[in-house]
Amino acid sequence: MIHKNVPRLIFWELTKRCNLKCVHCRAEAEENSFTGELKLDEIKGIIDNIVSDYSPILVLTGGEPLYRDDIFDIAKYATDKGLRTALATNGTLIDEGLQIKLNNLK
């Protein structure tokens, strides 16, 4: 049975910060810090609300989500709550150390 109005995918723009200025990007991102970004506890609360009603694939994006120091805490929390979680990054910040962190998330 297919349920109407049930999200299968949630793309969550966690930050406006980004190291690129792509002409196709609607976010108009900059590398500067922005006030008003949600704190980790606030994000966890939203994830709790999502999983209380739905089981979508959660795509963490931005800007560039790797600019968030807590991005792996967010991804782990969502995964631990049972959400299939993906990271939508432009890939330019991935170095050997970050690749090791990403591989350890599996």
N, C-alpha and C. Protein backbone atom coordinates (compact mmCIF):
# COMPACT_ATOMS: atom_id res chain seq x y z
N MET A 1 0.84 -1.19 0.00
CA MET A 1 0.00 0.00 0.00
C MET A 1 0.88 1.25 0.00
N ILE A 2 0.61 2.17 -0.89
CA ILE A 2 1.36 3.42 -0.96
C ILE A 2 0.62 4.47 -0.15
N HIS A 3 1.34 5.08 0.78
CA HIS A 3 0.76 6.13 1.61
C HIS A 3 1.06 7.49 0.98
N LYS A 4 0.05 8.32 0.91
CA LYS A 4 0.23 9.66 0.38
C LYS A 4 0.81 10.57 1.46
N ASN A 5 1.54 11.57 1.01
CA ASN A 5 2.09 12.59 1.90
C ASN A 5 3.07 12.05 2.93
N VAL A 6 3.76 10.97 2.59
CA VAL A 6 4.80 10.43 3.46
C VAL A 6 6.14 10.68 2.76
N PRO A 7 7.02 11.45 3.39
CA PRO A 7 8.29 11.75 2.71
C PRO A 7 9.18 10.51 2.60
N ARG A 8 9.68 10.28 1.39
CA ARG A 8 10.65 9.19 1.18
C ARG A 8 12.07 9.72 1.29
N LEU A 9 12.26 10.99 0.96
CA LEU A 9 13.56 11.66 1.02
C LEU A 9 13.41 12.99 1.71
N ILE A 10 14.36 13.31 2.57
CA ILE A 10 14.43 14.65 3.15
C ILE A 10 15.83 15.17 2.89
N PHE A 11 15.94 16.26 2.14
CA PHE A 11 17.21 16.93 1.92
C PHE A 11 17.28 18.09 2.90
N TRP A 12 18.25 18.03 3.81
CA TRP A 12 18.34 19.01 4.89
C TRP A 12 19.57 19.88 4.67
N GLU A 13 19.34 21.14 4.37
CA GLU A 13 20.43 22.10 4.19
C GLU A 13 20.86 22.59 5.56
N LEU A 14 21.93 22.01 6.09
CA LEU A 14 22.38 22.27 7.45
C LEU A 14 23.19 23.54 7.60
N THR A 15 23.74 24.04 6.52
CA THR A 15 24.55 25.25 6.57
C THR A 15 24.50 25.97 5.23
N LYS A 16 24.73 27.27 5.29
CA LYS A 16 24.85 28.04 4.05
C LYS A 16 26.31 28.17 3.64
N ARG A 17 27.23 27.78 4.53
CA ARG A 17 28.65 27.94 4.23
C ARG A 17 29.08 26.98 3.12
N CYS A 18 29.96 27.48 2.26
CA CYS A 18 30.49 26.65 1.18
C CYS A 18 31.77 27.29 0.65
N ASN A 19 32.67 26.46 0.17
CA ASN A 19 33.93 26.96 -0.39
C ASN A 19 33.85 27.23 -1.88
N LEU A 20 32.71 26.97 -2.50
CA LEU A 20 32.53 27.21 -3.93
C LEU A 20 31.44 28.26 -4.14
N LYS A 21 31.43 28.83 -5.30
CA LYS A 21 30.39 29.80 -5.68
C LYS A 21 29.82 29.38 -7.03
N CYS A 22 29.18 28.23 -7.03
CA CYS A 22 28.63 27.68 -8.28
C CYS A 22 27.47 28.53 -8.78
N VAL A 23 27.47 28.83 -10.06
CA VAL A 23 26.42 29.67 -10.63
C VAL A 23 25.06 28.99 -10.57
N HIS A 24 25.03 27.67 -10.55
CA HIS A 24 23.75 26.96 -10.53
C HIS A 24 23.17 26.82 -9.12
N CYS A 25 23.94 27.19 -8.10
CA CYS A 25 23.50 26.98 -6.72
C CYS A 25 22.54 28.08 -6.30
N ARG A 26 21.39 27.66 -5.83
CA ARG A 26 20.39 28.63 -5.38
C ARG A 26 20.68 29.15 -3.97
N ALA A 27 21.63 28.53 -3.26
CA ALA A 27 21.90 28.88 -1.87
C ALA A 27 22.69 30.18 -1.72
N GLU A 28 23.36 30.62 -2.78
CA GLU A 28 24.21 31.81 -2.70
C GLU A 28 25.15 31.71 -1.50
N ALA A 29 25.80 30.57 -1.37
CA ALA A 29 26.63 30.28 -0.22
C ALA A 29 27.92 31.08 -0.21
N GLU A 30 28.46 31.25 0.99
CA GLU A 30 29.73 31.92 1.21
C GLU A 30 30.52 31.12 2.24
N GLU A 31 31.81 31.40 2.36
CA GLU A 31 32.62 30.70 3.35
C GLU A 31 32.43 31.27 4.75
N ASN A 32 31.86 32.45 4.87
CA ASN A 32 31.71 33.10 6.17
C ASN A 32 30.77 32.32 7.08
N SER A 33 31.00 32.45 8.38
CA SER A 33 30.09 31.86 9.35
C SER A 33 28.78 32.64 9.35
N PHE A 34 27.70 31.93 9.59
CA PHE A 34 26.39 32.55 9.64
C PHE A 34 25.80 32.36 11.03
N THR A 35 25.15 33.37 11.53
CA THR A 35 24.43 33.22 12.78
C THR A 35 23.09 32.58 12.47
N GLY A 36 22.53 31.91 13.43
CA GLY A 36 21.22 31.33 13.24
C GLY A 36 21.21 29.89 12.80
N GLU A 37 22.38 29.29 12.55
CA GLU A 37 22.39 27.87 12.22
C GLU A 37 21.99 27.08 13.46
N LEU A 38 21.27 26.00 13.23
CA LEU A 38 20.82 25.18 14.34
C LEU A 38 21.98 24.54 15.07
N LYS A 39 21.85 24.44 16.38
CA LYS A 39 22.84 23.76 17.23
C LYS A 39 22.57 22.26 17.18
N LEU A 40 23.56 21.47 17.61
CA LEU A 40 23.46 20.02 17.56
C LEU A 40 22.24 19.51 18.31
N ASP A 41 21.98 20.03 19.49
CA ASP A 41 20.81 19.57 20.26
C ASP A 41 19.50 19.86 19.53
N GLU A 42 19.43 21.00 18.87
CA GLU A 42 18.23 21.34 18.10
C GLU A 42 18.06 20.38 16.92
N ILE A 43 19.16 20.06 16.27
CA ILE A 43 19.12 19.13 15.14
C ILE A 43 18.68 17.75 15.60
N LYS A 44 19.22 17.30 16.73
CA LYS A 44 18.82 15.99 17.28
C LYS A 44 17.32 15.97 17.58
N GLY A 45 16.79 17.06 18.09
CA GLY A 45 15.35 17.14 18.36
C GLY A 45 14.52 17.01 17.09
N ILE A 46 14.97 17.63 16.03
CA ILE A 46 14.26 17.52 14.75
C ILE A 46 14.35 16.09 14.22
N ILE A 47 15.51 15.49 14.33
CA ILE A 47 15.66 14.10 13.90
C ILE A 47 14.72 13.21 14.70
N ASP A 48 14.63 13.44 16.01
CA ASP A 48 13.69 12.68 16.84
C ASP A 48 12.26 12.83 16.34
N ASN A 49 11.89 14.05 15.96
CA ASN A 49 10.54 14.29 15.42
C ASN A 49 10.33 13.56 14.10
N ILE A 50 11.34 13.57 13.26
CA ILE A 50 11.23 12.88 11.97
C ILE A 50 10.99 11.40 12.18
N VAL A 51 11.83 10.77 13.02
CA VAL A 51 11.73 9.31 13.18
C VAL A 51 10.49 8.89 13.97
N SER A 52 9.87 9.83 14.67
CA SER A 52 8.65 9.47 15.40
C SER A 52 7.48 9.23 14.45
N ASP A 53 7.57 9.80 13.24
CA ASP A 53 6.47 9.66 12.29
C ASP A 53 6.85 9.03 10.95
N TYR A 54 8.13 9.10 10.59
CA TYR A 54 8.54 8.70 9.25
C TYR A 54 9.85 7.91 9.28
N SER A 55 10.17 7.33 8.14
CA SER A 55 11.43 6.62 7.98
C SER A 55 12.02 6.93 6.60
N PRO A 56 12.32 8.20 6.34
CA PRO A 56 12.83 8.57 5.03
C PRO A 56 14.34 8.35 4.94
N ILE A 57 14.87 8.53 3.75
CA ILE A 57 16.31 8.68 3.58
C ILE A 57 16.61 10.14 3.90
N LEU A 58 17.56 10.37 4.78
CA LEU A 58 17.93 11.73 5.18
C LEU A 58 19.22 12.11 4.48
N VAL A 59 19.17 13.17 3.67
CA VAL A 59 20.35 13.63 2.94
C VAL A 59 20.82 14.93 3.59
N LEU A 60 22.01 14.89 4.17
CA LEU A 60 22.59 16.06 4.84
C LEU A 60 23.38 16.85 3.80
N THR A 61 22.98 18.10 3.61
CA THR A 61 23.56 18.91 2.55
C THR A 61 23.74 20.34 3.05
N GLY A 62 24.02 21.24 2.15
CA GLY A 62 24.21 22.64 2.50
C GLY A 62 23.91 23.50 1.29
N GLY A 63 24.72 24.47 1.20
CA GLY A 63 26.13 24.72 1.28
C GLY A 63 26.91 23.41 1.29
N GLU A 64 28.02 23.50 1.94
CA GLU A 64 28.92 22.36 2.07
C GLU A 64 28.83 21.83 3.51
N PRO A 65 28.18 20.68 3.70
CA PRO A 65 27.95 20.17 5.05
C PRO A 65 29.24 19.86 5.81
N LEU A 66 30.34 19.64 5.11
CA LEU A 66 31.60 19.35 5.80
C LEU A 66 32.17 20.58 6.52
N TYR A 67 31.60 21.73 6.31
CA TYR A 67 31.99 22.92 7.07
C TYR A 67 31.49 22.84 8.52
N ARG A 68 30.52 22.01 8.77
CA ARG A 68 30.02 21.84 10.15
C ARG A 68 30.95 20.91 10.90
N ASP A 69 31.45 21.36 12.03
CA ASP A 69 32.33 20.52 12.85
C ASP A 69 31.60 19.30 13.41
N ASP A 70 30.28 19.40 13.51
CA ASP A 70 29.49 18.32 14.11
C ASP A 70 28.78 17.44 13.08
N ILE A 71 29.18 17.53 11.81
CA ILE A 71 28.46 16.80 10.77
C ILE A 71 28.47 15.29 11.01
N PHE A 72 29.58 14.76 11.52
CA PHE A 72 29.63 13.32 11.76
C PHE A 72 28.80 12.92 12.98
N ASP A 73 28.70 13.82 13.96
CA ASP A 73 27.80 13.58 15.11
C ASP A 73 26.35 13.55 14.64
N ILE A 74 26.01 14.46 13.74
CA ILE A 74 24.65 14.50 13.19
C ILE A 74 24.36 13.23 12.41
N ALA A 75 25.28 12.84 11.53
CA ALA A 75 25.08 11.64 10.72
C ALA A 75 24.97 10.40 11.59
N LYS A 76 25.80 10.30 12.61
CA LYS A 76 25.76 9.13 13.50
C LYS A 76 24.46 9.10 14.28
N TYR A 77 24.02 10.25 14.76
CA TYR A 77 22.76 10.30 15.51
C TYR A 77 21.60 9.84 14.64
N ALA A 78 21.55 10.35 13.42
CA ALA A 78 20.46 9.97 12.51
C ALA A 78 20.52 8.48 12.19
N THR A 79 21.71 7.98 11.94
CA THR A 79 21.88 6.56 11.62
C THR A 79 21.50 5.70 12.82
N ASP A 80 21.94 6.10 14.01
CA ASP A 80 21.60 5.36 15.23
C ASP A 80 20.10 5.33 15.48
N LYS A 81 19.39 6.34 15.00
CA LYS A 81 17.94 6.40 15.14
C LYS A 81 17.23 5.57 14.06
N GLY A 82 18.01 4.97 13.16
CA GLY A 82 17.43 4.10 12.15
C GLY A 82 17.22 4.73 10.79
N LEU A 83 17.65 5.98 10.62
CA LEU A 83 17.48 6.63 9.32
C LEU A 83 18.63 6.26 8.39
N ARG A 84 18.28 5.94 7.15
CA ARG A 84 19.31 5.81 6.13
C ARG A 84 19.77 7.23 5.83
N THR A 85 21.06 7.46 6.00
CA THR A 85 21.58 8.81 5.96
C THR A 85 22.66 8.93 4.90
N ALA A 86 22.58 10.01 4.12
CA ALA A 86 23.56 10.28 3.06
C ALA A 86 24.13 11.67 3.26
N LEU A 87 25.34 11.87 2.75
CA LEU A 87 26.01 13.15 2.84
C LEU A 87 26.20 13.68 1.43
N ALA A 88 25.62 14.84 1.14
CA ALA A 88 25.75 15.47 -0.19
C ALA A 88 26.80 16.57 -0.09
N THR A 89 28.01 16.24 -0.49
CA THR A 89 29.14 17.16 -0.41
C THR A 89 29.67 17.43 -1.82
N ASN A 90 30.35 18.55 -1.99
CA ASN A 90 30.98 18.80 -3.29
C ASN A 90 32.30 18.04 -3.40
N GLY A 91 32.77 17.46 -2.32
CA GLY A 91 33.93 16.60 -2.33
C GLY A 91 35.28 17.29 -2.27
N THR A 92 35.31 18.60 -2.37
CA THR A 92 36.59 19.30 -2.43
C THR A 92 37.33 19.34 -1.10
N LEU A 93 36.65 19.08 0.00
CA LEU A 93 37.29 19.11 1.32
C LEU A 93 37.72 17.73 1.80
N ILE A 94 37.47 16.72 0.99
CA ILE A 94 37.80 15.36 1.41
C ILE A 94 39.28 15.10 1.16
N ASP A 95 39.99 14.86 2.25
CA ASP A 95 41.39 14.48 2.17
C ASP A 95 41.53 13.08 2.78
N GLU A 96 42.74 12.59 2.94
CA GLU A 96 42.95 11.24 3.43
C GLU A 96 42.36 11.05 4.84
N GLY A 97 42.57 12.02 5.71
CA GLY A 97 42.04 11.92 7.07
C GLY A 97 40.52 11.88 7.10
N LEU A 98 39.90 12.69 6.29
CA LEU A 98 38.44 12.71 6.23
C LEU A 98 37.90 11.43 5.59
N GLN A 99 38.63 10.90 4.62
CA GLN A 99 38.22 9.64 4.00
C GLN A 99 38.20 8.52 5.03
N ILE A 100 39.16 8.51 5.92
CA ILE A 100 39.21 7.50 6.98
C ILE A 100 37.97 7.65 7.87
N LYS A 101 37.62 8.87 8.24
CA LYS A 101 36.42 9.11 9.06
C LYS A 101 35.16 8.61 8.33
N LEU A 102 35.06 8.92 7.04
CA LEU A 102 33.91 8.51 6.26
C LEU A 102 33.81 6.99 6.18
N ASN A 103 34.93 6.33 5.99
CA ASN A 103 34.93 4.86 5.92
C ASN A 103 34.53 4.24 7.25
N ASN A 104 34.85 4.89 8.36
CA ASN A 104 34.52 4.36 9.67
C ASN A 104 33.04 4.54 10.03
N LEU A 105 32.32 5.31 9.25
CA LEU A 105 30.88 5.51 9.50
C LEU A 105 30.06 4.31 9.06
N LYS A 106 30.59 3.48 8.21
CA LYS A 106 29.83 2.37 7.65
C LYS A 106 29.42 1.39 8.72
